[in-house]
Amino acid sequence: MVQGLVPYTVRGILWFQADGNNGHPGESPEMIRALITTWREPWRAELQFSYVEMNNMKERQRAPVDRRRSV
């Protein structure tokens, strides 16, 4: 999706991470690293990359949850 931007000068990227992956929080660091690496490649530069994570909008979890069951 960023291929169309490659001819332009890009100084940095701001990524807003919503809570779509809240069921798999352990995957986030690896996925963010992959995102940054693959987005920097086309410009062959160390782009400034900032990201913001959405805070949890639900009540604090007090007891374990079996994620195999649908709610």
PDB file of N, CA and C in Angstrom:
ATOM      1  N   MET A   1       0.813  -1.199   0.000  1.00  0.00           N
ATOM      2  CA  MET A   1       0.000   0.000   0.000  1.00  0.00           C
ATOM      3  C   MET A   1       0.857   1.264   0.000  1.00  0.00           C
ATOM      4  N   VAL A   2       2.091   1.175   0.429  1.00  0.00           N
ATOM      5  CA  VAL A   2       2.939   2.365   0.439  1.00  0.00           C
ATOM      6  C   VAL A   2       3.708   2.542  -0.864  1.00  0.00           C
ATOM      7  N   GLN A   3       3.637   1.571  -1.756  1.00  0.00           N
ATOM      8  CA  GLN A   3       4.404   1.619  -3.002  1.00  0.00           C
ATOM      9  C   GLN A   3       4.141   2.896  -3.791  1.00  0.00           C
ATOM     10  N   GLY A   4       2.917   3.389  -3.787  1.00  0.00           N
ATOM     11  CA  GLY A   4       2.586   4.614  -4.514  1.00  0.00           C
ATOM     12  C   GLY A   4       3.248   5.857  -3.944  1.00  0.00           C
ATOM     13  N   LEU A   5       3.739   5.789  -2.725  1.00  0.00           N
ATOM     14  CA  LEU A   5       4.394   6.932  -2.084  1.00  0.00           C
ATOM     15  C   LEU A   5       5.899   6.970  -2.306  1.00  0.00           C
ATOM     16  N   VAL A   6       6.469   5.888  -2.827  1.00  0.00           N
ATOM     17  CA  VAL A   6       7.916   5.770  -2.953  1.00  0.00           C
ATOM     18  C   VAL A   6       8.552   6.912  -3.755  1.00  0.00           C
ATOM     19  N   PRO A   7       7.935   7.426  -4.821  1.00  0.00           N
ATOM     20  CA  PRO A   7       8.582   8.530  -5.545  1.00  0.00           C
ATOM     21  C   PRO A   7       8.666   9.832  -4.738  1.00  0.00           C
ATOM     22  N   TYR A   8       7.949   9.933  -3.654  1.00  0.00           N
ATOM     23  CA  TYR A   8       7.911  11.163  -2.869  1.00  0.00           C
ATOM     24  C   TYR A   8       8.865  11.094  -1.684  1.00  0.00           C
ATOM     25  N   THR A   9       9.272  12.245  -1.206  1.00  0.00           N
ATOM     26  CA  THR A   9      10.107  12.319  -0.023  1.00  0.00           C
ATOM     27  C   THR A   9       9.236  12.112   1.209  1.00  0.00           C
ATOM     28  N   VAL A  10       9.620  11.184   2.015  1.00  0.00           N
ATOM     29  CA  VAL A  10       8.890  10.902   3.246  1.00  0.00           C
ATOM     30  C   VAL A  10       9.880  11.076   4.392  1.00  0.00           C
ATOM     31  N   ARG A  11       9.535  11.911   5.335  1.00  0.00           N
ATOM     32  CA  ARG A  11      10.441  12.166   6.466  1.00  0.00           C
ATOM     33  C   ARG A  11      10.172  11.264   7.648  1.00  0.00           C
ATOM     34  N   GLY A  12       8.974  10.768   7.742  1.00  0.00           N
ATOM     35  CA  GLY A  12       8.657   9.916   8.872  1.00  0.00           C
ATOM     36  C   GLY A  12       7.260   9.345   8.750  1.00  0.00           C
ATOM     37  N   ILE A  13       6.969   8.432   9.632  1.00  0.00           N
ATOM     38  CA  ILE A  13       5.681   7.743   9.610  1.00  0.00           C
ATOM     39  C   ILE A  13       5.125   7.740  11.026  1.00  0.00           C
ATOM     40  N   LEU A  14       3.840   8.015  11.132  1.00  0.00           N
ATOM     41  CA  LEU A  14       3.134   7.914  12.399  1.00  0.00           C
ATOM     42  C   LEU A  14       2.103   6.810  12.237  1.00  0.00           C
ATOM     43  N   TRP A  15       2.220   5.777  13.046  1.00  0.00           N
ATOM     44  CA  TRP A  15       1.337   4.610  12.970  1.00  0.00           C
ATOM     45  C   TRP A  15       0.443   4.586  14.197  1.00  0.00           C
ATOM     46  N   PHE A  16      -0.856   4.483  13.979  1.00  0.00           N
ATOM     47  CA  PHE A  16      -1.812   4.375  15.074  1.00  0.00           C
ATOM     48  C   PHE A  16      -2.251   2.926  15.161  1.00  0.00           C
ATOM     49  N   GLN A  17      -1.913   2.257  16.253  1.00  0.00           N
ATOM     50  CA  GLN A  17      -2.263   0.858  16.445  1.00  0.00           C
ATOM     51  C   GLN A  17      -3.523   0.775  17.291  1.00  0.00           C
ATOM     52  N   ALA A  18      -4.606   0.381  16.674  1.00  0.00           N
ATOM     53  CA  ALA A  18      -5.861   0.222  17.409  1.00  0.00           C
ATOM     54  C   ALA A  18      -5.847  -1.105  18.159  1.00  0.00           C
ATOM     55  N   ASP A  19      -6.962  -1.514  18.686  1.00  0.00           N
ATOM     56  CA  ASP A  19      -7.003  -2.713  19.516  1.00  0.00           C
ATOM     57  C   ASP A  19      -7.452  -3.953  18.756  1.00  0.00           C
ATOM     58  N   GLY A  20      -7.281  -3.979  17.453  1.00  0.00           N
ATOM     59  CA  GLY A  20      -7.709  -5.117  16.649  1.00  0.00           C
ATOM     60  C   GLY A  20      -6.975  -6.406  16.959  1.00  0.00           C
ATOM     61  N   ASN A  21      -5.782  -6.301  17.517  1.00  0.00           N
ATOM     62  CA  ASN A  21      -5.020  -7.511  17.848  1.00  0.00           C
ATOM     63  C   ASN A  21      -4.945  -7.731  19.355  1.00  0.00           C
ATOM     64  N   ASN A  22      -5.901  -7.221  20.095  1.00  0.00           N
ATOM     65  CA  ASN A  22      -5.833  -7.342  21.553  1.00  0.00           C
ATOM     66  C   ASN A  22      -5.909  -8.785  22.040  1.00  0.00           C
ATOM     67  N   GLY A  23      -6.327  -9.698  21.212  1.00  0.00           N
ATOM     68  CA  GLY A  23      -6.349 -11.109  21.583  1.00  0.00           C
ATOM     69  C   GLY A  23      -5.003 -11.782  21.458  1.00  0.00           C
ATOM     70  N   HIS A  24      -4.041 -11.100  20.807  1.00  0.00           N
ATOM     71  CA  HIS A  24      -2.709 -11.660  20.572  1.00  0.00           C
ATOM     72  C   HIS A  24      -1.632 -10.614  20.878  1.00  0.00           C
ATOM     73  N   PRO A  25      -1.569 -10.097  22.079  1.00  0.00           N
ATOM     74  CA  PRO A  25      -0.633  -9.018  22.372  1.00  0.00           C
ATOM     75  C   PRO A  25       0.837  -9.417  22.245  1.00  0.00           C
ATOM     76  N   GLY A  26       1.147 -10.675  22.394  1.00  0.00           N
ATOM     77  CA  GLY A  26       2.529 -11.118  22.283  1.00  0.00           C
ATOM     78  C   GLY A  26       3.094 -11.004  20.882  1.00  0.00           C
ATOM     79  N   GLU A  27       2.235 -10.914  19.888  1.00  0.00           N
ATOM     80  CA  GLU A  27       2.676 -10.808  18.503  1.00  0.00           C
ATOM     81  C   GLU A  27       3.056  -9.378  18.116  1.00  0.00           C
ATOM     82  N   SER A  28       2.601  -8.401  18.870  1.00  0.00           N
ATOM     83  CA  SER A  28       2.798  -6.999  18.500  1.00  0.00           C
ATOM     84  C   SER A  28       4.246  -6.593  18.272  1.00  0.00           C
ATOM     85  N   PRO A  29       5.181  -6.885  19.185  1.00  0.00           N
ATOM     86  CA  PRO A  29       6.560  -6.424  18.948  1.00  0.00           C
ATOM     87  C   PRO A  29       7.149  -6.931  17.636  1.00  0.00           C
ATOM     88  N   GLU A  30       6.939  -8.200  17.335  1.00  0.00           N
ATOM     89  CA  GLU A  30       7.468  -8.764  16.086  1.00  0.00           C
ATOM     90  C   GLU A  30       6.798  -8.127  14.874  1.00  0.00           C
ATOM     91  N   MET A  31       5.506  -7.926  14.961  1.00  0.00           N
ATOM     92  CA  MET A  31       4.776  -7.331  13.837  1.00  0.00           C
ATOM     93  C   MET A  31       5.183  -5.869  13.607  1.00  0.00           C
ATOM     94  N   ILE A  32       5.388  -5.113  14.665  1.00  0.00           N
ATOM     95  CA  ILE A  32       5.814  -3.718  14.526  1.00  0.00           C
ATOM     96  C   ILE A  32       7.210  -3.648  13.919  1.00  0.00           C
ATOM     97  N   ARG A  33       8.123  -4.524  14.376  1.00  0.00           N
ATOM     98  CA  ARG A  33       9.471  -4.548  13.783  1.00  0.00           C
ATOM     99  C   ARG A  33       9.410  -4.852  12.291  1.00  0.00           C
ATOM    100  N   ALA A  34       8.592  -5.825  11.907  1.00  0.00           N
ATOM    101  CA  ALA A  34       8.451  -6.178  10.492  1.00  0.00           C
ATOM    102  C   ALA A  34       7.863  -5.014   9.700  1.00  0.00           C
ATOM    103  N   LEU A  35       6.878  -4.335  10.260  1.00  0.00           N
ATOM    104  CA  LEU A  35       6.275  -3.183   9.594  1.00  0.00           C
ATOM    105  C   LEU A  35       7.318  -2.096   9.343  1.00  0.00           C
ATOM    106  N   ILE A  36       8.084  -1.756  10.371  1.00  0.00           N
ATOM    107  CA  ILE A  36       9.098  -0.707  10.235  1.00  0.00           C
ATOM    108  C   ILE A  36      10.145  -1.099   9.201  1.00  0.00           C
ATOM    109  N   THR A  37      10.630  -2.319   9.270  1.00  0.00           N
ATOM    110  CA  THR A  37      11.657  -2.783   8.330  1.00  0.00           C
ATOM    111  C   THR A  37      11.169  -2.734   6.894  1.00  0.00           C
ATOM    112  N   THR A  38       9.984  -3.260   6.642  1.00  0.00           N
ATOM    113  CA  THR A  38       9.495  -3.305   5.261  1.00  0.00           C
ATOM    114  C   THR A  38       9.099  -1.935   4.741  1.00  0.00           C
ATOM    115  N   TRP A  39       8.704  -1.020   5.598  1.00  0.00           N
ATOM    116  CA  TRP A  39       8.358   0.326   5.127  1.00  0.00           C
ATOM    117  C   TRP A  39       9.599   1.180   4.903  1.00  0.00           C
ATOM    118  N   ARG A  40      10.682   0.884   5.582  1.00  0.00           N
ATOM    119  CA  ARG A  40      11.919   1.643   5.366  1.00  0.00           C
ATOM    120  C   ARG A  40      12.644   1.213   4.094  1.00  0.00           C
ATOM    121  N   GLU A  41      12.501  -0.021   3.696  1.00  0.00           N
ATOM    122  CA  GLU A  41      13.232  -0.562   2.543  1.00  0.00           C
ATOM    123  C   GLU A  41      13.060   0.252   1.258  1.00  0.00           C
ATOM    124  N   PRO A  42      11.842   0.611   0.835  1.00  0.00           N
ATOM    125  CA  PRO A  42      11.701   1.309  -0.448  1.00  0.00           C
ATOM    126  C   PRO A  42      12.441   2.639  -0.525  1.00  0.00           C
ATOM    127  N   TRP A  43      12.583   3.335   0.602  1.00  0.00           N
ATOM    128  CA  TRP A  43      13.260   4.624   0.590  1.00  0.00           C
ATOM    129  C   TRP A  43      14.744   4.491   0.895  1.00  0.00           C
ATOM    130  N   ARG A  44      15.171   3.291   1.250  1.00  0.00           N
ATOM    131  CA  ARG A  44      16.574   3.036   1.598  1.00  0.00           C
ATOM    132  C   ARG A  44      17.079   4.076   2.598  1.00  0.00           C
ATOM    133  N   ALA A  45      16.273   4.301   3.629  1.00  0.00           N
ATOM    134  CA  ALA A  45      16.597   5.327   4.611  1.00  0.00           C
ATOM    135  C   ALA A  45      16.118   4.903   5.996  1.00  0.00           C
ATOM    136  N   GLU A  46      16.669   5.550   6.982  1.00  0.00           N
ATOM    137  CA  GLU A  46      16.226   5.344   8.353  1.00  0.00           C
ATOM    138  C   GLU A  46      15.100   6.340   8.631  1.00  0.00           C
ATOM    139  N   LEU A  47      13.917   6.030   8.169  1.00  0.00           N
ATOM    140  CA  LEU A  47      12.772   6.898   8.410  1.00  0.00           C
ATOM    141  C   LEU A  47      12.454   6.961   9.893  1.00  0.00           C
ATOM    142  N   GLN A  48      12.077   8.148  10.344  1.00  0.00           N
ATOM    143  CA  GLN A  48      11.565   8.272  11.708  1.00  0.00           C
ATOM    144  C   GLN A  48      10.248   7.523  11.751  1.00  0.00           C
ATOM    145  N   PHE A  49      10.079   6.666  12.706  1.00  0.00           N
ATOM    146  CA  PHE A  49       8.866   5.865  12.801  1.00  0.00           C
ATOM    147  C   PHE A  49       8.347   5.954  14.224  1.00  0.00           C
ATOM    148  N   SER A  50       7.174   6.544  14.383  1.00  0.00           N
ATOM    149  CA  SER A  50       6.545   6.666  15.692  1.00  0.00           C
ATOM    150  C   SER A  50       5.219   5.935  15.655  1.00  0.00           C
ATOM    151  N   TYR A  51       4.869   5.314  16.754  1.00  0.00           N
ATOM    152  CA  TYR A  51       3.561   4.678  16.792  1.00  0.00           C
ATOM    153  C   TYR A  51       2.891   4.910  18.137  1.00  0.00           C
ATOM    154  N   VAL A  52       1.586   4.917  18.067  1.00  0.00           N
ATOM    155  CA  VAL A  52       0.751   5.164  19.235  1.00  0.00           C
ATOM    156  C   VAL A  52      -0.173   3.972  19.385  1.00  0.00           C
ATOM    157  N   GLU A  53      -0.287   3.462  20.579  1.00  0.00           N
ATOM    158  CA  GLU A  53      -1.200   2.354  20.830  1.00  0.00           C
ATOM    159  C   GLU A  53      -2.445   2.868  21.523  1.00  0.00           C
ATOM    160  N   MET A  54      -3.562   2.345  21.108  1.00  0.00           N
ATOM    161  CA  MET A  54      -4.828   2.707  21.727  1.00  0.00           C
ATOM    162  C   MET A  54      -4.902   2.082  23.116  1.00  0.00           C
ATOM    163  N   ASN A  55      -5.367   2.856  24.077  1.00  0.00           N
ATOM    164  CA  ASN A  55      -5.487   2.297  25.416  1.00  0.00           C
ATOM    165  C   ASN A  55      -6.672   1.339  25.485  1.00  0.00           C
ATOM    166  N   ASN A  56      -6.647   0.496  26.491  1.00  0.00           N
ATOM    167  CA  ASN A  56      -7.713  -0.474  26.677  1.00  0.00           C
ATOM    168  C   ASN A  56      -9.001   0.245  27.067  1.00  0.00           C
ATOM    169  N   MET A  57     -10.057   0.019  26.320  1.00  0.00           N
ATOM    170  CA  MET A  57     -11.320   0.701  26.568  1.00  0.00           C
ATOM    171  C   MET A  57     -12.280  -0.139  27.414  1.00  0.00           C
ATOM    172  N   LYS A  58     -11.851  -1.327  27.775  1.00  0.00           N
ATOM    173  CA  LYS A  58     -12.709  -2.221  28.543  1.00  0.00           C
ATOM    174  C   LYS A  58     -12.337  -2.149  30.019  1.00  0.00           C
ATOM    175  N   GLU A  59     -13.209  -2.721  30.862  1.00  0.00           N
ATOM    176  CA  GLU A  59     -12.898  -2.789  32.280  1.00  0.00           C
ATOM    177  C   GLU A  59     -11.717  -3.717  32.511  1.00  0.00           C
ATOM    178  N   ARG A  60     -10.999  -3.496  33.587  1.00  0.00           N
ATOM    179  CA  ARG A  60      -9.859  -4.331  33.929  1.00  0.00           C
ATOM    180  C   ARG A  60     -10.307  -5.771  34.146  1.00  0.00           C
ATOM    181  N   GLN A  61      -9.555  -6.699  33.566  1.00  0.00           N
ATOM    182  CA  GLN A  61      -9.864  -8.126  33.680  1.00  0.00           C
ATOM    183  C   GLN A  61      -9.472  -8.615  35.059  1.00  0.00           C
ATOM    184  N   ARG A  62     -10.406  -9.172  35.803  1.00  0.00           N
ATOM    185  CA  ARG A  62     -10.144  -9.620  37.179  1.00  0.00           C
ATOM    186  C   ARG A  62      -9.903 -11.129  37.269  1.00  0.00           C
ATOM    187  N   ALA A  63     -10.387 -11.893  36.308  1.00  0.00           N
ATOM    188  CA  ALA A  63     -10.254 -13.351  36.359  1.00  0.00           C
ATOM    189  C   ALA A  63      -9.791 -13.859  34.992  1.00  0.00           C
ATOM    190  N   PRO A  64      -9.148 -15.024  34.941  1.00  0.00           N
ATOM    191  CA  PRO A  64      -8.724 -15.599  33.653  1.00  0.00           C
ATOM    192  C   PRO A  64      -9.916 -15.846  32.729  1.00  0.00           C
ATOM    193  N   VAL A  65      -9.644 -15.785  31.445  1.00  0.00           N
ATOM    194  CA  VAL A  65     -10.673 -15.992  30.433  1.00  0.00           C
ATOM    195  C   VAL A  65     -10.239 -17.114  29.506  1.00  0.00           C
ATOM    196  N   ASP A  66     -11.153 -17.999  29.193  1.00  0.00           N
ATOM    197  CA  ASP A  66     -10.875 -19.063  28.224  1.00  0.00           C
ATOM    198  C   ASP A  66     -11.160 -18.493  26.852  1.00  0.00           C
ATOM    199  N   ARG A  67     -10.121 -18.138  26.108  1.00  0.00           N
ATOM    200  CA  ARG A  67     -10.287 -17.497  24.797  1.00  0.00           C
ATOM    201  C   ARG A  67     -10.791 -18.454  23.716  1.00  0.00           C
ATOM    202  N   ARG A  68     -10.856 -19.741  24.028  1.00  0.00           N
ATOM    203  CA  ARG A  68     -11.342 -20.711  23.033  1.00  0.00           C
ATOM    204  C   ARG A  68     -12.845 -20.629  22.885  1.00  0.00           C
ATOM    205  N   ARG A  69     -13.522 -20.097  23.879  1.00  0.00           N
ATOM    206  CA  ARG A  69     -14.982 -19.972  23.830  1.00  0.00           C
ATOM    207  C   ARG A  69     -15.351 -18.590  23.319  1.00  0.00           C
ATOM    208  N   SER A  70     -16.351 -18.522  22.462  1.00  0.00           N
ATOM    209  CA  SER A  70     -16.805 -17.209  22.015  1.00  0.00           C
ATOM    210  C   SER A  70     -17.719 -16.614  23.071  1.00  0.00           C
ATOM    211  N   VAL A  71     -17.722 -15.326  23.140  1.00  0.00           N
ATOM    212  CA  VAL A  71     -18.505 -14.622  24.158  1.00  0.00           C
ATOM    213  C   VAL A  71     -19.898 -14.341  23.671  1.00  0.00           C
TER     214      VAL A  71
END
